[in-house]
Amino acid sequence: MFKKHNEIREAKRRHRQIMNAAYHLITPSLIVDRTARLSPEDVVVLVQGRHQIRITVDEAKDALGAALLEKGYSLDRMANA
């Protein structure tokens, strides 16, 4: 029972850290520079650097897409979209 609780808690923490990194990349400068594109690789590098978590490009792409949409940006702002 405790093992399952710890796994769930760890998964939530990991998700939160990945999403925070994606949100960090979305700055007000995206409003000014309409040609700026964010890549999932940016999220991979930031998560590794900040939290020492290795994630796949697919996980990063999902997180970045969710963060962009939540902040009101189009998925066109993502490189390789």
C-alpha atoms as a PDB file:
ATOM      1  CA  MET A   1       0.000   0.000   0.000  1.00  0.00           C
ATOM      2  CA  PHE A   2       2.756   2.465   0.920  1.00  0.00           C
ATOM      3  CA  LYS A   3       4.710   1.526  -2.179  1.00  0.00           C
ATOM      4  CA  LYS A   4       1.775   2.392  -4.436  1.00  0.00           C
ATOM      5  CA  HIS A   5       1.211   5.672  -2.569  1.00  0.00           C
ATOM      6  CA  ASN A   6       4.872   6.595  -3.014  1.00  0.00           C
ATOM      7  CA  GLU A   7       4.760   5.739  -6.726  1.00  0.00           C
ATOM      8  CA  ILE A   8       1.714   7.959  -7.234  1.00  0.00           C
ATOM      9  CA  ARG A   9       3.297  10.798  -5.265  1.00  0.00           C
ATOM     10  CA  GLU A  10       6.535  10.484  -7.245  1.00  0.00           C
ATOM     11  CA  ALA A  11       4.657  10.475 -10.569  1.00  0.00           C
ATOM     12  CA  LYS A  12       2.785  13.642  -9.575  1.00  0.00           C
ATOM     13  CA  ARG A  13       6.016  15.339  -8.512  1.00  0.00           C
ATOM     14  CA  ARG A  14       7.731  14.362 -11.761  1.00  0.00           C
ATOM     15  CA  HIS A  15       4.805  15.645 -13.815  1.00  0.00           C
ATOM     16  CA  ARG A  16       4.772  18.929 -11.896  1.00  0.00           C
ATOM     17  CA  GLN A  17       8.504  19.442 -12.449  1.00  0.00           C
ATOM     18  CA  ILE A  18       8.234  18.744 -16.180  1.00  0.00           C
ATOM     19  CA  MET A  19       5.275  21.109 -16.573  1.00  0.00           C
ATOM     20  CA  ASN A  20       7.033  23.831 -14.564  1.00  0.00           C
ATOM     21  CA  ALA A  21       9.995  23.618 -16.928  1.00  0.00           C
ATOM     22  CA  ALA A  22       7.677  23.924 -19.937  1.00  0.00           C
ATOM     23  CA  TYR A  23       5.922  26.929 -18.372  1.00  0.00           C
ATOM     24  CA  HIS A  24       9.296  28.533 -17.666  1.00  0.00           C
ATOM     25  CA  LEU A  25      10.100  28.536 -21.387  1.00  0.00           C
ATOM     26  CA  ILE A  26       6.903  30.390 -22.219  1.00  0.00           C
ATOM     27  CA  THR A  27       7.779  33.987 -21.520  1.00  0.00           C
ATOM     28  CA  PRO A  28       6.212  37.311 -22.442  1.00  0.00           C
ATOM     29  CA  SER A  29       8.864  37.636 -25.146  1.00  0.00           C
ATOM     30  CA  LEU A  30       6.804  35.182 -27.208  1.00  0.00           C
ATOM     31  CA  ILE A  31       4.230  37.946 -27.575  1.00  0.00           C
ATOM     32  CA  VAL A  32       6.793  40.379 -28.980  1.00  0.00           C
ATOM     33  CA  ASP A  33       8.681  37.923 -31.191  1.00  0.00           C
ATOM     34  CA  ARG A  34       6.053  36.252 -33.334  1.00  0.00           C
ATOM     35  CA  THR A  35       8.682  34.114 -35.063  1.00  0.00           C
ATOM     36  CA  ALA A  36       9.980  32.532 -31.842  1.00  0.00           C
ATOM     37  CA  ARG A  37       9.596  28.770 -31.717  1.00  0.00           C
ATOM     38  CA  LEU A  38      10.109  26.503 -28.727  1.00  0.00           C
ATOM     39  CA  SER A  39      11.380  22.989 -29.196  1.00  0.00           C
ATOM     40  CA  PRO A  40      10.731  19.919 -27.072  1.00  0.00           C
ATOM     41  CA  GLU A  41      14.502  19.563 -26.814  1.00  0.00           C
ATOM     42  CA  ASP A  42      14.524  22.834 -24.839  1.00  0.00           C
ATOM     43  CA  VAL A  43      12.249  21.197 -22.270  1.00  0.00           C
ATOM     44  CA  VAL A  44      14.408  18.045 -22.154  1.00  0.00           C
ATOM     45  CA  VAL A  45      17.535  20.090 -21.437  1.00  0.00           C
ATOM     46  CA  LEU A  46      15.848  22.334 -18.864  1.00  0.00           C
ATOM     47  CA  VAL A  47      14.328  19.406 -16.952  1.00  0.00           C
ATOM     48  CA  GLN A  48      17.685  17.637 -16.911  1.00  0.00           C
ATOM     49  CA  GLY A  49      19.485  20.755 -15.747  1.00  0.00           C
ATOM     50  CA  ARG A  50      16.998  21.831 -13.089  1.00  0.00           C
ATOM     51  CA  HIS A  51      15.720  18.540 -11.722  1.00  0.00           C
ATOM     52  CA  GLN A  52      18.179  15.877 -12.933  1.00  0.00           C
ATOM     53  CA  ILE A  53      15.297  14.013 -14.561  1.00  0.00           C
ATOM     54  CA  ARG A  54      15.772  12.345 -17.935  1.00  0.00           C
ATOM     55  CA  ILE A  55      12.678  12.540 -20.109  1.00  0.00           C
ATOM     56  CA  THR A  56      11.980  11.576 -23.688  1.00  0.00           C
ATOM     57  CA  VAL A  57      11.347  14.064 -26.465  1.00  0.00           C
ATOM     58  CA  ASP A  58       7.775  12.749 -26.680  1.00  0.00           C
ATOM     59  CA  GLU A  59       7.161  13.570 -23.003  1.00  0.00           C
ATOM     60  CA  ALA A  60       8.656  17.006 -23.548  1.00  0.00           C
ATOM     61  CA  LYS A  61       6.516  17.565 -26.645  1.00  0.00           C
ATOM     62  CA  ASP A  62       3.360  16.692 -24.697  1.00  0.00           C
ATOM     63  CA  ALA A  63       4.307  18.999 -21.819  1.00  0.00           C
ATOM     64  CA  LEU A  64       5.250  21.889 -24.092  1.00  0.00           C
ATOM     65  CA  GLY A  65       2.075  21.517 -26.141  1.00  0.00           C
ATOM     66  CA  ALA A  66      -0.073  21.494 -23.019  1.00  0.00           C
ATOM     67  CA  ALA A  67       1.719  24.532 -21.593  1.00  0.00           C
ATOM     68  CA  LEU A  68       1.390  26.490 -24.843  1.00  0.00           C
ATOM     69  CA  LEU A  69      -2.317  25.767 -25.133  1.00  0.00           C
ATOM     70  CA  GLU A  70      -2.944  26.547 -21.475  1.00  0.00           C
ATOM     71  CA  LYS A  71      -1.240  29.936 -21.877  1.00  0.00           C
ATOM     72  CA  GLY A  72      -3.308  30.702 -24.978  1.00  0.00           C
ATOM     73  CA  TYR A  73      -0.661  30.141 -27.657  1.00  0.00           C
ATOM     74  CA  SER A  74      -1.048  28.072 -30.792  1.00  0.00           C
ATOM     75  CA  LEU A  75       0.806  24.814 -31.248  1.00  0.00           C
ATOM     76  CA  ASP A  76       2.415  26.542 -34.237  1.00  0.00           C
ATOM     77  CA  ARG A  77       4.746  28.169 -31.693  1.00  0.00           C
ATOM     78  CA  MET A  78       6.322  24.751 -31.152  1.00  0.00           C
ATOM     79  CA  ALA A  79       9.253  23.837 -33.370  1.00  0.00           C
ATOM     80  CA  ASN A  80       8.730  20.595 -35.306  1.00  0.00           C
ATOM     81  CA  ALA A  81       4.955  20.952 -34.915  1.00  0.00           C
END
